PDB file of N, CA and C in Angstrom:
ATOM      1  N   MET A   1      22.710  63.963 -29.236  1.00  0.00           N
ATOM      2  CA  MET A   1      22.059  64.128 -27.917  1.00  0.00           C
ATOM      3  C   MET A   1      21.084  63.266 -27.439  1.00  0.00           C
ATOM      4  N   SER A   2      20.180  62.872 -28.492  1.00  0.00           N
ATOM      5  CA  SER A   2      19.121  62.115 -28.216  1.00  0.00           C
ATOM      6  C   SER A   2      19.587  60.666 -27.859  1.00  0.00           C
ATOM      7  N   THR A   3      20.671  60.203 -28.392  1.00  0.00           N
ATOM      8  CA  THR A   3      21.293  58.927 -28.066  1.00  0.00           C
ATOM      9  C   THR A   3      21.600  58.940 -26.490  1.00  0.00           C
ATOM     10  N   LEU A   4      22.332  60.068 -26.112  1.00  0.00           N
ATOM     11  CA  LEU A   4      22.730  60.230 -24.731  1.00  0.00           C
ATOM     12  C   LEU A   4      21.458  60.179 -23.745  1.00  0.00           C
ATOM     13  N   LEU A   5      20.343  60.859 -24.135  1.00  0.00           N
ATOM     14  CA  LEU A   5      19.217  60.796 -23.268  1.00  0.00           C
ATOM     15  C   LEU A   5      18.575  59.439 -23.228  1.00  0.00           C
ATOM     16  N   TYR A   6      18.624  58.739 -24.362  1.00  0.00           N
ATOM     17  CA  TYR A   6      18.076  57.362 -24.430  1.00  0.00           C
ATOM     18  C   TYR A   6      18.877  56.551 -23.498  1.00  0.00           C
ATOM     19  N   PHE A   7      20.142  56.532 -23.478  1.00  0.00           N
ATOM     20  CA  PHE A   7      20.987  55.616 -22.520  1.00  0.00           C
ATOM     21  C   PHE A   7      20.764  56.145 -21.097  1.00  0.00           C
ATOM     22  N   ALA A   8      20.652  57.404 -20.856  1.00  0.00           N
ATOM     23  CA  ALA A   8      20.437  57.932 -19.497  1.00  0.00           C
ATOM     24  C   ALA A   8      19.156  57.545 -19.001  1.00  0.00           C
ATOM     25  N   PHE A   9      18.060  57.565 -19.699  1.00  0.00           N
ATOM     26  CA  PHE A   9      16.760  57.041 -19.390  1.00  0.00           C
ATOM     27  C   PHE A   9      16.817  55.470 -18.899  1.00  0.00           C
ATOM     28  N   TRP A  10      17.466  54.675 -19.735  1.00  0.00           N
ATOM     29  CA  TRP A  10      17.411  53.266 -19.498  1.00  0.00           C
ATOM     30  C   TRP A  10      18.375  52.989 -18.315  1.00  0.00           C
ATOM     31  N   ALA A  11      19.428  53.801 -18.003  1.00  0.00           N
ATOM     32  CA  ALA A  11      20.347  53.597 -16.944  1.00  0.00           C
ATOM     33  C   ALA A  11      19.577  53.963 -15.701  1.00  0.00           C
ATOM     34  N   ALA A  12      18.863  55.086 -15.526  1.00  0.00           N
ATOM     35  CA  ALA A  12      18.010  55.486 -14.583  1.00  0.00           C
ATOM     36  C   ALA A  12      17.040  54.464 -14.193  1.00  0.00           C
ATOM     37  N   LEU A  13      16.309  54.002 -15.140  1.00  0.00           N
ATOM     38  CA  LEU A  13      15.159  52.970 -15.058  1.00  0.00           C
ATOM     39  C   LEU A  13      16.004  51.604 -14.424  1.00  0.00           C
ATOM     40  N   PHE A  14      17.070  51.208 -14.883  1.00  0.00           N
ATOM     41  CA  PHE A  14      17.729  50.015 -14.361  1.00  0.00           C
ATOM     42  C   PHE A  14      18.068  50.286 -12.927  1.00  0.00           C
ATOM     43  N   PHE A  15      18.676  51.396 -12.544  1.00  0.00           N
ATOM     44  CA  PHE A  15      19.064  51.832 -11.169  1.00  0.00           C
ATOM     45  C   PHE A  15      17.813  51.735 -10.247  1.00  0.00           C
ATOM     46  N   VAL A  16      16.675  52.364 -10.621  1.00  0.00           N
ATOM     47  CA  VAL A  16      15.432  52.322  -9.749  1.00  0.00           C
ATOM     48  C   VAL A  16      15.030  50.910  -9.520  1.00  0.00           C
ATOM     49  N   MET A  17      14.992  50.119 -10.515  1.00  0.00           N
ATOM     50  CA  MET A  17      14.423  48.799 -10.440  1.00  0.00           C
ATOM     51  C   MET A  17      15.489  47.830  -9.558  1.00  0.00           C
ATOM     52  N   MET A  18      16.661  48.056  -9.694  1.00  0.00           N
ATOM     53  CA  MET A  18      17.769  47.398  -8.831  1.00  0.00           C
ATOM     54  C   MET A  18      17.571  47.848  -7.400  1.00  0.00           C
ATOM     55  N   ARG A  19      17.237  49.139  -7.327  1.00  0.00           N
ATOM     56  CA  ARG A  19      17.312  49.646  -5.804  1.00  0.00           C
ATOM     57  C   ARG A  19      16.033  49.394  -5.088  1.00  0.00           C
ATOM     58  N   PHE A  20      14.861  49.577  -5.842  1.00  0.00           N
ATOM     59  CA  PHE A  20      13.532  49.413  -5.260  1.00  0.00           C
ATOM     60  C   PHE A  20      12.556  48.400  -5.702  1.00  0.00           C
ATOM     61  N   GLY A  21      12.938  47.901  -6.852  1.00  0.00           N
ATOM     62  CA  GLY A  21      11.947  46.773  -7.641  1.00  0.00           C
ATOM     63  C   GLY A  21      12.474  45.487  -7.286  1.00  0.00           C
ATOM     64  N   CYS A  22      12.174  44.538  -8.275  1.00  0.00           N
ATOM     65  CA  CYS A  22      12.432  43.135  -8.070  1.00  0.00           C
ATOM     66  C   CYS A  22      13.918  42.822  -7.823  1.00  0.00           C
ATOM     67  N   GLY A  23      14.825  43.668  -8.257  1.00  0.00           N
ATOM     68  CA  GLY A  23      16.305  43.348  -7.962  1.00  0.00           C
ATOM     69  C   GLY A  23      16.806  43.799  -6.757  1.00  0.00           C
ATOM     70  N   ALA A  24      15.979  44.373  -5.874  1.00  0.00           N
ATOM     71  CA  ALA A  24      16.410  44.858  -4.564  1.00  0.00           C
ATOM     72  C   ALA A  24      17.000  43.824  -3.586  1.00  0.00           C
ATOM     73  N   HIS A  25      16.612  42.572  -3.817  1.00  0.00           N
ATOM     74  CA  HIS A  25      17.154  41.545  -2.858  1.00  0.00           C
ATOM     75  C   HIS A  25      18.617  41.222  -3.386  1.00  0.00           C
ATOM     76  N   VAL A  26      18.987  41.417  -4.637  1.00  0.00           N
ATOM     77  CA  VAL A  26      20.316  41.192  -5.097  1.00  0.00           C
ATOM     78  C   VAL A  26      21.186  42.281  -4.529  1.00  0.00           C
ATOM     79  N   MET A  27      20.628  43.566  -4.348  1.00  0.00           N
ATOM     80  CA  MET A  27      21.484  44.673  -3.839  1.00  0.00           C
ATOM     81  C   MET A  27      21.388  44.771  -2.234  1.00  0.00           C
ATOM     82  N   GLY A  28      20.561  43.805  -1.619  1.00  0.00           N
ATOM     83  CA  GLY A  28      20.684  43.712  -0.292  1.00  0.00           C
ATOM     84  C   GLY A  28      19.738  44.770   0.333  1.00  0.00           C
ATOM     85  N   HIS A  29      18.726  45.066  -0.277  1.00  0.00           N
ATOM     86  CA  HIS A  29      17.661  45.992   0.054  1.00  0.00           C
ATOM     87  C   HIS A  29      16.421  45.428   0.062  1.00  0.00           C
ATOM     88  N   GLY A  30      16.097  44.209   0.463  1.00  0.00           N
ATOM     89  CA  GLY A  30      14.689  43.517   0.288  1.00  0.00           C
ATOM     90  C   GLY A  30      13.561  44.379   0.717  1.00  0.00           C
ATOM     91  N   HIS A  31      12.388  43.942   0.235  1.00  0.00           N
ATOM     92  CA  HIS A  31      11.064  44.484   0.497  1.00  0.00           C
ATOM     93  C   HIS A  31      10.517  43.997   1.802  1.00  0.00           C
ATOM     94  N   GLY A  32      11.053  43.840   2.810  1.00  0.00           N
ATOM     95  CA  GLY A  32      10.413  43.326   4.041  1.00  0.00           C
ATOM     96  C   GLY A  32       9.947  41.934   3.898  1.00  0.00           C
ATOM     97  N   GLY A  33       8.732  41.770   3.150  1.00  0.00           N
ATOM     98  CA  GLY A  33       8.254  40.451   3.069  1.00  0.00           C
ATOM     99  C   GLY A  33       8.573  39.806   1.711  1.00  0.00           C
ATOM    100  N   HIS A  34       9.433  40.367   1.090  1.00  0.00           N
ATOM    101  CA  HIS A  34       9.953  39.808  -0.359  1.00  0.00           C
ATOM    102  C   HIS A  34      10.878  38.662  -0.079  1.00  0.00           C
ATOM    103  N   SER A  35      11.474  38.691   1.009  1.00  0.00           N
ATOM    104  CA  SER A  35      12.446  37.528   1.263  1.00  0.00           C
ATOM    105  C   SER A  35      12.085  36.715   2.521  1.00  0.00           C
ATOM    106  N   GLY A  36      12.299  35.371   2.544  1.00  0.00           N
ATOM    107  CA  GLY A  36      11.967  34.602   3.744  1.00  0.00           C
ATOM    108  C   GLY A  36      13.012  34.648   4.874  1.00  0.00           C
ATOM    109  N   GLY A  37      12.510  34.199   5.963  1.00  0.00           N
ATOM    110  CA  GLY A  37      13.529  34.175   7.121  1.00  0.00           C
ATOM    111  C   GLY A  37      14.316  32.945   7.007  1.00  0.00           C
ATOM    112  N   HIS A  38      15.306  32.725   7.930  1.00  0.00           N
ATOM    113  CA  HIS A  38      16.259  31.814   7.923  1.00  0.00           C
ATOM    114  C   HIS A  38      15.527  30.250   7.893  1.00  0.00           C
ATOM    115  N   SER A  39      14.505  30.121   8.582  1.00  0.00           N
ATOM    116  CA  SER A  39      13.877  28.857   8.584  1.00  0.00           C
ATOM    117  C   SER A  39      12.525  28.682   7.795  1.00  0.00           C
ATOM    118  N   ASP A  40      12.160  29.867   7.348  1.00  0.00           N
ATOM    119  CA  ASP A  40      10.923  30.075   6.543  1.00  0.00           C
ATOM    120  C   ASP A  40      11.077  29.785   5.018  1.00  0.00           C
ATOM    121  N   PRO A  41      10.240  29.039   4.442  1.00  0.00           N
ATOM    122  CA  PRO A  41      10.176  28.782   3.047  1.00  0.00           C
ATOM    123  C   PRO A  41      10.131  30.092   2.173  1.00  0.00           C
ATOM    124  N   PRO A  42      10.665  30.180   0.937  1.00  0.00           N
ATOM    125  CA  PRO A  42      10.412  31.377   0.280  1.00  0.00           C
ATOM    126  C   PRO A  42       8.882  31.641   0.015  1.00  0.00           C
ATOM    127  N   GLY A  43       8.394  32.915  -0.135  1.00  0.00           N
ATOM    128  CA  GLY A  43       7.030  33.094  -0.401  1.00  0.00           C
ATOM    129  C   GLY A  43       6.539  34.253   0.322  1.00  0.00           C
ATOM    130  N   GLY A  44       7.327  35.297   0.807  1.00  0.00           N
ATOM    131  CA  GLY A  44       6.798  36.345   1.272  1.00  0.00           C
ATOM    132  C   GLY A  44       6.635  36.516   2.768  1.00  0.00           C
ATOM    133  N   ARG A  45       7.266  35.530   3.514  1.00  0.00           N
ATOM    134  CA  ARG A  45       7.123  35.570   4.926  1.00  0.00           C
ATOM    135  C   ARG A  45       8.060  36.611   5.549  1.00  0.00           C
ATOM    136  N   THR A  46       7.623  37.179   6.748  1.00  0.00           N
ATOM    137  CA  THR A  46       8.427  38.179   7.392  1.00  0.00           C
ATOM    138  C   THR A  46       9.766  37.595   7.983  1.00  0.00           C
ATOM    139  N   PRO A  47      10.844  38.063   7.750  1.00  0.00           N
ATOM    140  CA  PRO A  47      12.099  37.483   8.301  1.00  0.00           C
ATOM    141  C   PRO A  47      12.105  37.677   9.779  1.00  0.00           C
ATOM    142  N   PRO A  48      12.954  36.944  10.566  1.00  0.00           N
ATOM    143  CA  PRO A  48      13.028  36.959  11.971  1.00  0.00           C
ATOM    144  C   PRO A  48      13.809  38.429  12.320  1.00  0.00           C
ATOM    145  N   THR A  49      13.571  38.912  13.384  1.00  0.00           N
ATOM    146  CA  THR A  49      14.293  40.203  13.716  1.00  0.00           C
ATOM    147  C   THR A  49      15.793  40.054  13.988  1.00  0.00           C
ATOM    148  N   ARG A  50      16.148  38.854  14.549  1.00  0.00           N
ATOM    149  CA  ARG A  50      17.515  38.493  14.826  1.00  0.00           C
ATOM    150  C   ARG A  50      17.856  36.970  14.388  1.00  0.00           C
ATOM    151  N   ASP A  51      19.078  36.867  14.056  1.00  0.00           N
ATOM    152  CA  ASP A  51      19.421  35.458  13.507  1.00  0.00           C
ATOM    153  C   ASP A  51      21.039  35.385  13.810  1.00  0.00           C
ATOM    154  N   ILE A  52      21.503  34.139  13.699  1.00  0.00           N
ATOM    155  CA  ILE A  52      22.965  33.941  14.084  1.00  0.00           C
ATOM    156  C   ILE A  52      23.811  33.786  12.825  1.00  0.00           C
ATOM    157  N   ASP A  53      24.790  34.562  12.813  1.00  0.00           N
ATOM    158  CA  ASP A  53      25.787  34.539  11.521  1.00  0.00           C
ATOM    159  C   ASP A  53      26.464  33.134  11.719  1.00  0.00           C
ATOM    160  N   PRO A  54      26.260  32.348  10.581  1.00  0.00           N
ATOM    161  CA  PRO A  54      26.927  30.928  10.623  1.00  0.00           C
ATOM    162  C   PRO A  54      28.318  31.085  10.655  1.00  0.00           C
ATOM    163  N   VAL A  55      29.025  32.016  10.208  1.00  0.00           N
ATOM    164  CA  VAL A  55      30.531  32.086   9.961  1.00  0.00           C
ATOM    165  C   VAL A  55      31.066  32.368  11.340  1.00  0.00           C
ATOM    166  N   CYS A  56      30.595  33.342  12.090  1.00  0.00           N
ATOM    167  CA  CYS A  56      31.167  33.648  13.465  1.00  0.00           C
ATOM    168  C   CYS A  56      30.356  33.502  14.628  1.00  0.00           C
ATOM    169  N   GLY A  57      28.979  33.138  14.382  1.00  0.00           N
ATOM    170  CA  GLY A  57      28.212  32.796  15.590  1.00  0.00           C
ATOM    171  C   GLY A  57      27.666  33.977  16.243  1.00  0.00           C
ATOM    172  N   MET A  58      27.928  35.178  15.717  1.00  0.00           N
ATOM    173  CA  MET A  58      27.433  36.456  16.283  1.00  0.00           C
ATOM    174  C   MET A  58      25.860  36.585  16.048  1.00  0.00           C
ATOM    175  N   ASN A  59      25.185  37.158  16.936  1.00  0.00           N
ATOM    176  CA  ASN A  59      23.783  37.377  16.886  1.00  0.00           C
ATOM    177  C   ASN A  59      23.639  38.811  16.054  1.00  0.00           C
ATOM    178  N   VAL A  60      22.870  38.747  15.061  1.00  0.00           N
ATOM    179  CA  VAL A  60      22.750  39.825  14.110  1.00  0.00           C
ATOM    180  C   VAL A  60      21.494  40.271  13.955  1.00  0.00           C
ATOM    181  N   GLU A  61      21.067  41.526  13.747  1.00  0.00           N
ATOM    182  CA  GLU A  61      19.724  42.066  13.448  1.00  0.00           C
ATOM    183  C   GLU A  61      19.595  41.986  11.864  1.00  0.00           C
ATOM    184  N   THR A  62      18.553  41.295  11.430  1.00  0.00           N
ATOM    185  CA  THR A  62      18.414  40.875  10.113  1.00  0.00           C
ATOM    186  C   THR A  62      18.099  42.091   9.190  1.00  0.00           C
ATOM    187  N   ASN A  63      17.520  43.129   9.740  1.00  0.00           N
ATOM    188  CA  ASN A  63      17.046  44.338   8.948  1.00  0.00           C
ATOM    189  C   ASN A  63      18.305  44.984   8.480  1.00  0.00           C
ATOM    190  N   SER A  64      19.423  44.809   9.079  1.00  0.00           N
ATOM    191  CA  SER A  64      20.790  45.473   8.605  1.00  0.00           C
ATOM    192  C   SER A  64      21.829  44.574   8.266  1.00  0.00           C
ATOM    193  N   ALA A  65      21.561  43.343   8.226  1.00  0.00           N
ATOM    194  CA  ALA A  65      22.615  42.234   8.028  1.00  0.00           C
ATOM    195  C   ALA A  65      22.607  42.021   6.505  1.00  0.00           C
ATOM    196  N   LYS A  66      23.728  41.444   6.067  1.00  0.00           N
ATOM    197  CA  LYS A  66      23.828  40.950   4.700  1.00  0.00           C
ATOM    198  C   LYS A  66      23.324  39.621   4.632  1.00  0.00           C
ATOM    199  N   SER A  67      22.736  39.220   3.610  1.00  0.00           N
ATOM    200  CA  SER A  67      22.012  37.960   3.411  1.00  0.00           C
ATOM    201  C   SER A  67      22.448  37.071   2.212  1.00  0.00           C
ATOM    202  N   SER A  68      22.305  35.779   2.409  1.00  0.00           N
ATOM    203  CA  SER A  68      22.521  34.898   1.323  1.00  0.00           C
ATOM    204  C   SER A  68      21.530  33.679   1.400  1.00  0.00           C
ATOM    205  N   VAL A  69      21.181  33.264   0.322  1.00  0.00           N
ATOM    206  CA  VAL A  69      20.205  32.057   0.070  1.00  0.00           C
ATOM    207  C   VAL A  69      21.050  30.747  -0.172  1.00  0.00           C
ATOM    208  N   PHE A  70      20.724  29.744   0.556  1.00  0.00           N
ATOM    209  CA  PHE A  70      21.536  28.440   0.147  1.00  0.00           C
ATOM    210  C   PHE A  70      20.478  27.468   0.500  1.00  0.00           C
ATOM    211  N   GLY A  71      20.204  26.522  -0.456  1.00  0.00           N
ATOM    212  CA  GLY A  71      19.187  25.341  -0.192  1.00  0.00           C
ATOM    213  C   GLY A  71      17.926  25.972   0.091  1.00  0.00           C
ATOM    214  N   GLY A  72      17.541  27.015  -0.430  1.00  0.00           N
ATOM    215  CA  GLY A  72      16.164  27.550  -0.246  1.00  0.00           C
ATOM    216  C   GLY A  72      15.982  28.347   1.025  1.00  0.00           C
ATOM    217  N   ARG A  73      16.937  28.425   1.913  1.00  0.00           N
ATOM    218  CA  ARG A  73      16.889  29.192   3.178  1.00  0.00           C
ATOM    219  C   ARG A  73      17.759  30.542   3.034  1.00  0.00           C
ATOM    220  N   VAL A  74      17.287  31.376   3.810  1.00  0.00           N
ATOM    221  CA  VAL A  74      18.022  32.550   3.948  1.00  0.00           C
ATOM    222  C   VAL A  74      18.952  32.515   5.248  1.00  0.00           C
ATOM    223  N   TYR A  75      20.216  32.991   4.959  1.00  0.00           N
ATOM    224  CA  TYR A  75      21.109  33.079   6.099  1.00  0.00           C
ATOM    225  C   TYR A  75      21.663  34.587   6.132  1.00  0.00           C
ATOM    226  N   TYR A  76      22.021  35.021   7.544  1.00  0.00           N
ATOM    227  CA  TYR A  76      22.232  36.366   7.759  1.00  0.00           C
ATOM    228  C   TYR A  76      23.599  36.538   8.253  1.00  0.00           C
ATOM    229  N   PHE A  77      24.343  37.550   7.871  1.00  0.00           N
ATOM    230  CA  PHE A  77      25.779  37.760   8.167  1.00  0.00           C
ATOM    231  C   PHE A  77      26.007  39.146   8.722  1.00  0.00           C
ATOM    232  N   CYS A  78      26.970  39.319   9.494  1.00  0.00           N
ATOM    233  CA  CYS A  78      27.447  40.610  10.150  1.00  0.00           C
ATOM    234  C   CYS A  78      28.080  41.415   9.318  1.00  0.00           C
ATOM    235  N   SER A  79      28.701  40.854   8.158  1.00  0.00           N
ATOM    236  CA  SER A  79      29.561  41.639   7.205  1.00  0.00           C
ATOM    237  C   SER A  79      29.456  41.018   5.828  1.00  0.00           C
ATOM    238  N   ALA A  80      29.735  41.714   4.793  1.00  0.00           N
ATOM    239  CA  ALA A  80      29.875  41.193   3.425  1.00  0.00           C
ATOM    240  C   ALA A  80      30.995  40.175   3.277  1.00  0.00           C
ATOM    241  N   GLU A  81      32.091  40.327   4.092  1.00  0.00           N
ATOM    242  CA  GLU A  81      33.212  39.412   4.070  1.00  0.00           C
ATOM    243  C   GLU A  81      32.680  38.023   4.527  1.00  0.00           C
ATOM    244  N   HIS A  82      31.836  37.953   5.624  1.00  0.00           N
ATOM    245  CA  HIS A  82      31.309  36.760   6.263  1.00  0.00           C
ATOM    246  C   HIS A  82      30.399  36.054   5.175  1.00  0.00           C
ATOM    247  N   ARG A  83      29.691  36.932   4.439  1.00  0.00           N
ATOM    248  CA  ARG A  83      28.647  36.472   3.430  1.00  0.00           C
ATOM    249  C   ARG A  83      29.572  35.759   2.372  1.00  0.00           C
ATOM    250  N   GLU A  84      30.630  36.440   1.830  1.00  0.00           N
ATOM    251  CA  GLU A  84      31.374  35.959   0.743  1.00  0.00           C
ATOM    252  C   GLU A  84      32.148  34.536   1.112  1.00  0.00           C
ATOM    253  N   THR A  85      32.597  34.603   2.443  1.00  0.00           N
ATOM    254  CA  THR A  85      33.282  33.388   2.990  1.00  0.00           C
ATOM    255  C   THR A  85      32.269  32.238   3.003  1.00  0.00           C
ATOM    256  N   PHE A  86      31.106  32.495   3.458  1.00  0.00           N
ATOM    257  CA  PHE A  86      30.112  31.407   3.505  1.00  0.00           C
ATOM    258  C   PHE A  86      29.717  30.973   2.116  1.00  0.00           C
ATOM    259  N   GLU A  87      29.440  31.754   1.188  1.00  0.00           N
ATOM    260  CA  GLU A  87      29.137  31.488  -0.172  1.00  0.00           C
ATOM    261  C   GLU A  87      30.258  30.554  -0.797  1.00  0.00           C
ATOM    262  N   ALA A  88      31.447  30.660  -0.375  1.00  0.00           N
ATOM    263  CA  ALA A  88      32.505  30.182  -0.978  1.00  0.00           C
ATOM    264  C   ALA A  88      32.571  28.565  -0.605  1.00  0.00           C
ATOM    265  N   ALA A  89      32.039  28.333   0.655  1.00  0.00           N
ATOM    266  CA  ALA A  89      32.157  27.032   1.260  1.00  0.00           C
ATOM    267  C   ALA A  89      30.972  26.811   2.291  1.00  0.00           C
ATOM    268  N   PRO A  90      29.677  26.873   1.832  1.00  0.00           N
ATOM    269  CA  PRO A  90      28.680  26.796   2.868  1.00  0.00           C
ATOM    270  C   PRO A  90      28.761  25.364   3.683  1.00  0.00           C
ATOM    271  N   GLU A  91      29.156  24.389   3.115  1.00  0.00           N
ATOM    272  CA  GLU A  91      29.289  23.065   3.891  1.00  0.00           C
ATOM    273  C   GLU A  91      30.206  23.223   5.046  1.00  0.00           C
ATOM    274  N   ARG A  92      31.140  23.941   4.914  1.00  0.00           N
ATOM    275  CA  ARG A  92      32.062  24.253   6.083  1.00  0.00           C
ATOM    276  C   ARG A  92      31.432  24.732   7.237  1.00  0.00           C
ATOM    277  N   TYR A  93      30.331  25.650   7.076  1.00  0.00           N
ATOM    278  CA  TYR A  93      29.577  26.245   8.202  1.00  0.00           C
ATOM    279  C   TYR A  93      28.309  25.614   8.592  1.00  0.00           C
ATOM    280  N   LEU A  94      27.828  24.891   7.629  1.00  0.00           N
ATOM    281  CA  LEU A  94      26.505  24.169   7.896  1.00  0.00           C
ATOM    282  C   LEU A  94      26.740  22.716   8.187  1.00  0.00           C
ATOM    283  N   GLY A  95      27.821  22.096   7.943  1.00  0.00           N
ATOM    284  CA  GLY A  95      28.035  20.783   8.169  1.00  0.00           C
ATOM    285  C   GLY A  95      27.027  19.703   7.365  1.00  0.00           C
ATOM    286  N   GLU A  96      26.603  18.942   8.165  1.00  0.00           N
ATOM    287  CA  GLU A  96      25.613  17.841   7.518  1.00  0.00           C
ATOM    288  C   GLU A  96      24.390  18.607   6.932  1.00  0.00           C
ATOM    289  N   GLN A  97      23.900  19.559   7.581  1.00  0.00           N
ATOM    290  CA  GLN A  97      22.790  20.320   6.889  1.00  0.00           C
ATOM    291  C   GLN A  97      23.127  20.715   5.461  1.00  0.00           C
ATOM    292  N   ALA A  98      24.205  21.281   5.285  1.00  0.00           N
ATOM    293  CA  ALA A  98      24.633  21.689   3.893  1.00  0.00           C
ATOM    294  C   ALA A  98      24.652  20.443   2.947  1.00  0.00           C
ATOM    295  N   ARG A  99      25.150  19.395   3.273  1.00  0.00           N
ATOM    296  CA  ARG A  99      25.198  18.246   2.421  1.00  0.00           C
ATOM    297  C   ARG A  99      23.675  17.676   2.112  1.00  0.00           C
ATOM    298  N   THR A 100      22.836  17.852   3.132  1.00  0.00           N
ATOM    299  CA  THR A 100      21.356  17.359   2.928  1.00  0.00           C
ATOM    300  C   THR A 100      20.710  18.340   2.004  1.00  0.00           C
ATOM    301  N   LEU A 101      21.007  19.593   2.183  1.00  0.00           N
ATOM    302  CA  LEU A 101      20.299  20.654   1.247  1.00  0.00           C
ATOM    303  C   LEU A 101      20.943  20.525  -0.108  1.00  0.00           C
ATOM    304  N   ALA A 102      22.114  20.327  -0.199  1.00  0.00           N
ATOM    305  CA  ALA A 102      22.602  20.131  -1.579  1.00  0.00           C
ATOM    306  C   ALA A 102      22.124  18.946  -2.388  1.00  0.00           C
ATOM    307  N   THR A 103      21.984  17.729  -1.627  1.00  0.00           N
ATOM    308  CA  THR A 103      21.406  16.575  -2.126  1.00  0.00           C
ATOM    309  C   THR A 103      19.935  16.875  -2.643  1.00  0.00           C
ATOM    310  N   GLU A 104      19.246  17.477  -1.699  1.00  0.00           N
ATOM    311  CA  GLU A 104      17.832  17.771  -2.006  1.00  0.00           C
ATOM    312  C   GLU A 104      17.691  18.604  -3.213  1.00  0.00           C
ATOM    313  N   HIS A 105      18.656  19.774  -3.363  1.00  0.00           N
ATOM    314  CA  HIS A 105      18.539  20.596  -4.502  1.00  0.00           C
ATOM    315  C   HIS A 105      18.824  19.740  -5.747  1.00  0.00           C
ATOM    316  N   ARG A 106      19.742  18.856  -5.762  1.00  0.00           N
ATOM    317  CA  ARG A 106      20.122  18.189  -7.023  1.00  0.00           C
ATOM    318  C   ARG A 106      19.031  17.264  -7.484  1.00  0.00           C
ATOM    319  N   HIS A 107      18.137  16.764  -6.536  1.00  0.00           N
ATOM    320  CA  HIS A 107      17.095  15.715  -6.745  1.00  0.00           C
ATOM    321  C   HIS A 107      15.822  16.554  -7.172  1.00  0.00           C
ATOM    322  N   ALA A 108      15.724  17.802  -6.957  1.00  0.00           N
ATOM    323  CA  ALA A 108      14.555  18.592  -7.173  1.00  0.00           C
ATOM    324  C   ALA A 108      14.304  18.967  -8.600  1.00  0.00           C
TER     325      ALA A 108
END
């Protein structure tokens, strides 16, 4: 019984940290200032209220959008499917900007 309680405790702690703690950005639940905006560098700046989904060009509200980081910038998407599509081939949606970011990332 004590083993079951031990694992239940650690599972609950893991869940709370992923939902509300430092892992919240991975789960798509950021801390307001914990993630940067599309053109803002990382470091706690407030994200914009609206941004453009690079996959479909749709105007999205960032507080309810799915997000992904590429080249040190945050991009917002209207759906998880568009985020996954972007992450598979960001250069297809960012063009020259993606190649520049990838080159900068390799040299950093």
